[in-house]
Amino acid sequence: MSGKIKKLINYLLYIIWSNTIYGLALYSAVTRVARESLLGAYFINIGLIIFGLVMDELIVRKFFTPKKIISDYEKTKTEKEKRFYRLQTRFMTHNFVSFKSSLYLFYILVLILSQVINFDPSLVGQDMANFIQTTDYSIILLVGLDDFGGQFFRDRERMKQCTEELEDYWANNSDEEC
């Protein structure tokens, strides 16, 4: 039982850490631009959501694959380096939470804070109000963009497989070349 609690604490610490970093970066960018244009701040928010989703996908596909991990492991020279790499990799793979998960939690919290501020606007200053106004429904954008990206890549993978099967069929069952 204590192992599960420890793992949950590690997940929560990572999510809090990543949400803090992302939140500070987003808040800084949005509040600066929001003083000039709320629409511009809104587009920055959309851009950061897209950037976060793309980076998360790249990290998961490029760095957290057994092939990449084994390749990096085989490049280590000493037994001490190998042992450290195994420990580091175990920690990362056992405690990894995708940045996408952190984004979802961040925007859920922003949506909740938005509702609280709607009930009592005097709770925050103008910069925070602008920040919340430009990010409050971003969870909907995040879900939509995430679903669109997932569907797009599933469709591309399916069409790639279909193309390979057809090319193989035509190569083996054609009397003439195209």
Protein backbone atom coordinates (compact mmCIF):
# COMPACT_ATOMS: atom_id res chain seq x y z
CA MET A 1 0.00 0.00 0.00
CA SER A 2 2.77 2.44 0.86
CA GLY A 3 4.32 1.86 -2.60
CA LYS A 4 1.11 3.02 -4.29
CA ILE A 5 0.92 6.08 -2.06
CA LYS A 6 4.55 6.91 -2.82
CA LYS A 7 3.87 6.55 -6.56
CA LEU A 8 0.78 8.77 -6.29
CA ILE A 9 2.82 11.40 -4.44
CA ASN A 10 5.47 11.26 -7.19
CA TYR A 11 2.78 11.73 -9.85
CA LEU A 12 1.29 14.66 -7.96
CA LEU A 13 4.68 16.30 -7.43
CA TYR A 14 5.46 16.05 -11.14
CA ILE A 15 2.05 17.44 -12.09
CA ILE A 16 2.37 20.31 -9.61
CA TRP A 17 5.89 21.07 -10.85
CA SER A 18 4.94 21.00 -14.54
CA ASN A 19 1.71 22.96 -13.96
CA THR A 20 3.63 25.62 -12.05
CA ILE A 21 6.20 26.01 -14.82
CA TYR A 22 3.57 26.02 -17.57
CA GLY A 23 1.25 28.30 -15.60
CA LEU A 24 3.95 30.87 -14.91
CA ALA A 25 5.08 30.88 -18.55
CA LEU A 26 1.50 31.17 -19.80
CA TYR A 27 0.57 33.82 -17.24
CA SER A 28 3.65 35.88 -18.09
CA ALA A 29 3.04 35.71 -21.84
CA VAL A 30 -0.70 36.23 -21.69
CA THR A 31 -0.75 39.13 -19.23
CA ARG A 32 1.85 41.08 -21.20
CA VAL A 33 -0.05 40.69 -24.45
CA ALA A 34 -3.49 41.03 -22.82
CA ARG A 35 -2.69 44.61 -21.81
CA GLU A 36 -2.63 45.40 -25.53
CA SER A 37 -5.01 42.81 -26.98
CA LEU A 38 -7.13 40.11 -25.36
CA LEU A 39 -7.48 38.47 -28.78
CA GLY A 40 -3.70 38.30 -29.17
CA ALA A 41 -3.41 36.78 -25.70
CA TYR A 42 -6.06 34.24 -26.63
CA PHE A 43 -4.05 33.21 -29.71
CA ILE A 44 -0.89 32.87 -27.62
CA ASN A 45 -2.81 30.52 -25.35
CA ILE A 46 -3.94 28.44 -28.34
CA GLY A 47 -0.37 28.37 -29.63
CA LEU A 48 0.96 27.17 -26.29
CA ILE A 49 -1.68 24.43 -26.14
CA ILE A 50 -0.67 23.22 -29.60
CA PHE A 51 3.03 23.47 -28.67
CA GLY A 52 2.40 21.47 -25.48
CA LEU A 53 0.52 18.72 -27.31
CA VAL A 54 3.16 18.46 -30.04
CA MET A 55 6.05 18.40 -27.57
CA ASP A 56 4.31 15.79 -25.43
CA GLU A 57 3.77 13.57 -28.47
CA LEU A 58 7.40 13.96 -29.57
CA ILE A 59 8.71 13.14 -26.11
CA VAL A 60 6.53 10.06 -25.80
CA ARG A 61 7.25 8.81 -29.33
CA LYS A 62 10.97 9.67 -29.52
CA PHE A 63 12.38 9.38 -26.01
CA PHE A 64 10.20 6.88 -24.18
CA THR A 65 10.50 3.94 -26.51
CA PRO A 66 12.28 0.73 -25.57
CA LYS A 67 14.38 1.01 -28.74
CA LYS A 68 15.66 4.49 -27.82
CA ILE A 69 16.23 3.60 -24.17
CA ILE A 70 18.14 0.42 -25.05
CA SER A 71 20.18 2.26 -27.68
CA ASP A 72 21.17 4.93 -25.15
CA TYR A 73 21.90 2.27 -22.54
CA GLU A 74 24.23 0.42 -24.89
CA LYS A 75 26.18 3.64 -25.45
CA THR A 76 27.10 3.88 -21.77
CA LYS A 77 30.67 2.85 -21.07
CA THR A 78 31.22 1.92 -17.44
CA GLU A 79 29.25 -0.36 -15.15
CA LYS A 80 28.60 2.63 -12.86
CA GLU A 81 27.07 4.59 -15.77
CA LYS A 82 24.96 1.59 -16.76
CA ARG A 83 23.67 1.18 -13.20
CA PHE A 84 22.84 4.91 -12.96
CA TYR A 85 21.11 4.82 -16.37
CA ARG A 86 18.98 1.82 -15.32
CA LEU A 87 17.97 3.58 -12.08
CA GLN A 88 17.20 6.80 -13.90
CA THR A 89 15.19 5.00 -16.59
CA ARG A 90 13.24 2.98 -14.03
CA PHE A 91 12.40 6.15 -12.13
CA MET A 92 11.25 7.92 -15.31
CA THR A 93 9.20 5.03 -16.70
CA HIS A 94 7.58 4.21 -13.35
CA ASN A 95 6.80 7.82 -12.45
CA PHE A 96 6.23 9.42 -15.84
CA VAL A 97 3.08 11.46 -16.33
CA SER A 98 2.67 12.96 -19.78
CA PHE A 99 2.69 16.71 -20.10
CA LYS A 100 -0.68 16.35 -21.77
CA SER A 101 -2.12 15.06 -18.49
CA SER A 102 -0.69 18.09 -16.74
CA LEU A 103 -2.24 20.38 -19.37
CA TYR A 104 -5.64 18.83 -18.79
CA LEU A 105 -5.39 19.37 -15.04
CA PHE A 106 -4.10 22.93 -15.50
CA TYR A 107 -7.01 23.95 -17.72
CA ILE A 108 -9.53 22.22 -15.48
CA LEU A 109 -8.20 24.30 -12.59
CA VAL A 110 -8.36 27.46 -14.72
CA LEU A 111 -11.99 26.69 -15.60
CA ILE A 112 -12.84 26.25 -11.90
CA LEU A 113 -11.02 29.47 -11.01
CA SER A 114 -12.87 31.23 -13.82
CA GLN A 115 -16.20 30.27 -12.30
CA VAL A 116 -15.10 31.41 -8.84
CA ILE A 117 -14.04 34.77 -10.30
CA ASN A 118 -17.34 35.07 -12.14
CA PHE A 119 -19.09 34.79 -8.80
CA ASP A 120 -16.80 37.31 -7.09
CA PRO A 121 -14.68 39.42 -9.50
CA SER A 122 -13.15 41.40 -6.63
CA LEU A 123 -11.00 38.38 -5.70
CA VAL A 124 -8.36 39.18 -8.35
CA GLY A 125 -6.68 42.10 -10.06
CA GLN A 126 -6.99 43.14 -13.68
CA ASP A 127 -4.01 41.08 -14.91
CA MET A 128 -5.39 37.88 -13.39
CA ALA A 129 -8.88 38.69 -14.70
CA ASN A 130 -7.46 39.13 -18.23
CA PHE A 131 -5.49 35.90 -17.89
CA ILE A 132 -8.57 33.98 -16.79
CA GLN A 133 -10.72 35.57 -19.49
CA THR A 134 -8.34 34.49 -22.25
CA THR A 135 -7.84 30.96 -20.91
CA ASP A 136 -11.08 29.98 -19.20
CA TYR A 137 -12.54 27.74 -21.90
CA SER A 138 -9.18 26.42 -23.09
CA ILE A 139 -10.02 22.96 -21.77
CA ILE A 140 -12.46 22.69 -24.67
CA LEU A 141 -9.72 23.67 -27.12
CA LEU A 142 -7.34 21.21 -25.51
CA VAL A 143 -9.82 18.35 -25.79
CA GLY A 144 -10.70 19.26 -29.36
CA LEU A 145 -7.10 19.64 -30.52
CA ASP A 146 -6.04 16.48 -28.71
CA ASP A 147 -8.88 14.46 -30.22
CA PHE A 148 -8.24 15.92 -33.67
CA GLY A 149 -4.52 15.13 -33.48
CA GLY A 150 -5.17 11.59 -32.25
CA GLN A 151 -7.72 10.95 -34.98
CA PHE A 152 -5.48 12.45 -37.65
CA PHE A 153 -2.55 10.20 -36.73
CA ARG A 154 -4.77 7.11 -36.45
CA ASP A 155 -6.15 7.85 -39.92
CA ARG A 156 -2.66 8.39 -41.35
CA GLU A 157 -1.42 5.14 -39.80
CA ARG A 158 -4.40 3.24 -41.18
CA MET A 159 -3.90 4.70 -44.68
CA LYS A 160 -0.18 3.95 -44.52
CA GLN A 161 -0.94 0.32 -43.69
CA CYS A 162 -3.55 0.16 -46.46
CA THR A 163 -1.08 1.62 -48.97
CA GLU A 164 1.61 -0.89 -47.97
CA GLU A 165 -0.81 -3.81 -48.31
CA LEU A 166 -2.04 -2.60 -51.70
CA GLU A 167 1.50 -1.99 -52.98
CA ASP A 168 2.47 -5.48 -51.82
CA TYR A 169 -0.61 -6.98 -53.50
CA TRP A 170 0.00 -5.11 -56.75
CA ALA A 171 3.68 -6.01 -56.74
CA ASN A 172 2.85 -9.72 -56.40
CA ASN A 173 -0.28 -9.87 -58.60
CA SER A 174 0.35 -7.56 -61.50
CA ASP A 175 1.35 -8.52 -65.01
CA GLU A 176 2.59 -5.07 -65.82
CA GLU A 177 4.38 -2.33 -63.93
CA CYS A 178 2.76 1.01 -63.22
